[in-house]
Amino acid sequence: MEYTITLSSDRKFIVENIKGVISREIAMHVNLEAHALGKRLGITRYLIDVTEARNIDKNMDTYEFAYEDMRQAAGIDMFARVAILVSLGDHSHDFVETVLRNAGLNVRLFTNLDEATRYLVDDLTANPPASVDQ
């Protein structure tokens, strides 16, 4: 597994790009790092690109990820808007979206990058994020 965490070119969202396999533990590690960057920059939008990653967790692991890991971890912004970009035909992330949404997180799956990006930034033109000096 390899991953990168970067700021989008328009500085409106954080991009998590994960390749290989993804599990509950890997997702938490990457999410904590990404949310720390988001907090530092005043950004609450995240694009998680798993088009080259397959979820290997069992349903119970996914449930615990949503209801225990994400909800109880200090440093996770429970009000963040998250778009998960998946490959067309990869349904290994479907249950993740369902359980995260049921746990109260604002998460949606997409197979199209433009749609995912629009979901993240459409409402920001009226309410731009605060400028943060680095």
Protein backbone atom coordinates (compact mmCIF):
# COMPACT_ATOMS: atom_id res chain seq x y z
CA MET A 1 0.00 0.00 0.00
CA GLU A 2 1.19 3.49 -0.79
CA TYR A 3 -0.50 6.84 -0.35
CA THR A 4 -0.08 10.56 -0.80
CA ILE A 5 -1.87 13.47 0.83
CA THR A 6 -1.86 16.73 -1.11
CA LEU A 7 -3.73 19.99 -1.37
CA SER A 8 -5.90 20.43 -4.47
CA SER A 9 -4.58 22.96 -6.98
CA ASP A 10 -7.38 25.39 -6.08
CA ARG A 11 -6.62 24.90 -2.34
CA LYS A 12 -10.25 24.01 -1.62
CA PHE A 13 -9.85 20.38 -0.56
CA ILE A 14 -7.34 17.78 0.58
CA VAL A 15 -6.63 14.84 -1.74
CA GLU A 16 -5.89 11.43 -0.28
CA ASN A 17 -4.64 9.06 -2.97
CA ILE A 18 -4.34 5.43 -1.89
CA LYS A 19 -2.98 2.57 -4.01
CA GLY A 20 -2.93 -1.15 -3.29
CA VAL A 21 -5.18 -2.55 -0.62
CA ILE A 22 -7.04 -0.55 1.98
CA SER A 23 -8.20 -1.69 5.38
CA ARG A 24 -9.63 -0.10 8.48
CA GLU A 25 -6.17 0.48 9.94
CA ILE A 26 -4.75 1.98 6.76
CA ALA A 27 -7.79 4.22 6.28
CA MET A 28 -7.52 5.57 9.83
CA HIS A 29 -3.81 6.28 9.49
CA VAL A 30 -4.32 8.21 6.24
CA ASN A 31 -7.47 9.98 7.48
CA LEU A 32 -5.81 11.17 10.68
CA GLU A 33 -2.89 12.58 8.73
CA ALA A 34 -5.19 14.24 6.17
CA HIS A 35 -7.50 15.72 8.81
CA ALA A 36 -4.51 17.14 10.69
CA LEU A 37 -3.49 18.93 7.49
CA GLY A 38 -7.06 20.08 6.95
CA LYS A 39 -7.24 21.48 10.46
CA ARG A 40 -3.93 23.30 10.00
CA LEU A 41 -5.12 24.83 6.70
CA GLY A 42 -8.74 25.43 7.67
CA ILE A 43 -10.04 22.97 5.06
CA THR A 44 -12.98 20.64 5.70
CA ARG A 45 -13.30 18.94 2.30
CA TYR A 46 -11.58 15.69 1.35
CA LEU A 47 -11.28 13.74 -1.90
CA ILE A 48 -10.26 10.15 -1.23
CA ASP A 49 -9.05 8.57 -4.46
CA VAL A 50 -9.16 4.79 -4.16
CA THR A 51 -9.42 4.11 -7.87
CA GLU A 52 -6.29 2.00 -7.51
CA ALA A 53 -7.12 0.51 -4.10
CA ARG A 54 -9.36 -2.35 -3.13
CA ASN A 55 -11.07 -2.53 0.26
CA ILE A 56 -10.22 -5.85 1.94
CA ASP A 57 -12.18 -5.42 5.19
CA LYS A 58 -14.99 -7.67 6.27
CA ASN A 59 -18.35 -6.06 7.08
CA MET A 60 -17.72 -6.07 10.85
CA ASP A 61 -14.39 -4.28 10.36
CA THR A 62 -16.15 -1.65 8.24
CA TYR A 63 -18.83 -1.19 10.89
CA GLU A 64 -16.17 -0.73 13.61
CA PHE A 65 -14.27 1.68 11.36
CA ALA A 66 -17.35 3.90 11.02
CA TYR A 67 -18.81 3.68 14.51
CA GLU A 68 -15.66 3.35 16.60
CA ASP A 69 -12.56 4.52 14.75
CA MET A 70 -13.93 7.52 12.86
CA ARG A 71 -16.44 8.68 15.48
CA GLN A 72 -14.14 8.33 18.47
CA ALA A 73 -10.75 9.41 17.12
CA ALA A 74 -9.54 12.79 18.23
CA GLY A 75 -8.55 14.72 15.13
CA ILE A 76 -11.28 13.51 12.78
CA ASP A 77 -13.60 16.28 11.61
CA MET A 78 -17.04 14.68 11.89
CA PHE A 79 -18.55 17.55 9.87
CA ALA A 80 -16.16 17.26 6.92
CA ARG A 81 -17.50 16.72 3.41
CA VAL A 82 -15.89 13.66 1.83
CA ALA A 83 -15.99 12.37 -1.74
CA ILE A 84 -14.62 8.88 -2.29
CA LEU A 85 -13.56 8.31 -5.89
CA VAL A 86 -13.75 4.63 -6.90
CA SER A 87 -13.16 2.73 -10.11
CA LEU A 88 -16.19 1.87 -12.17
CA GLY A 89 -17.17 -1.69 -11.27
CA ASP A 90 -15.30 -1.75 -7.94
CA HIS A 91 -17.97 -2.36 -5.31
CA SER A 92 -15.54 -3.11 -2.47
CA HIS A 93 -16.13 0.40 -1.06
CA ASP A 94 -19.95 0.43 -1.27
CA PHE A 95 -20.58 -0.81 2.27
CA VAL A 96 -18.03 1.69 3.60
CA GLU A 97 -20.13 4.56 2.22
CA THR A 98 -23.35 3.12 3.63
CA VAL A 99 -22.00 2.58 7.13
CA LEU A 100 -20.17 5.93 7.28
CA ARG A 101 -23.33 7.76 6.23
CA ASN A 102 -25.38 5.81 8.78
CA ALA A 103 -22.80 6.80 11.41
CA GLY A 104 -23.44 10.47 10.60
CA LEU A 105 -20.53 11.32 8.30
CA ASN A 106 -21.03 13.34 5.11
CA VAL A 107 -19.55 10.85 2.63
CA ARG A 108 -20.46 10.00 -0.97
CA LEU A 109 -19.00 7.59 -3.52
CA PHE A 110 -18.25 8.73 -7.07
CA THR A 111 -16.84 7.12 -10.21
CA ASN A 112 -16.31 10.45 -11.96
CA LEU A 113 -13.65 12.92 -10.80
CA ASP A 114 -15.51 16.00 -12.08
CA GLU A 115 -18.68 15.03 -10.20
CA ALA A 116 -16.70 14.33 -7.03
CA THR A 117 -14.96 17.70 -7.27
CA ARG A 118 -18.24 19.52 -7.89
CA TYR A 119 -19.74 17.84 -4.81
CA LEU A 120 -16.84 19.11 -2.73
CA VAL A 121 -16.72 22.72 -3.92
CA ASP A 122 -20.11 23.77 -5.35
CA ASP A 123 -21.24 25.59 -2.22
CA LEU A 124 -17.85 27.20 -1.55
CA THR A 125 -18.32 30.04 -4.02
CA ALA A 126 -20.85 31.62 -1.67
CA ASN A 127 -18.84 30.68 1.44
CA PRO A 128 -15.12 30.54 0.59
CA PRO A 129 -12.80 28.92 3.16
CA ALA A 130 -10.79 31.19 5.39
CA SER A 131 -7.38 32.12 4.08
CA VAL A 132 -4.62 30.42 6.02
CA ASP A 133 -1.00 31.53 5.86
CA GLN A 134 1.57 28.76 5.77
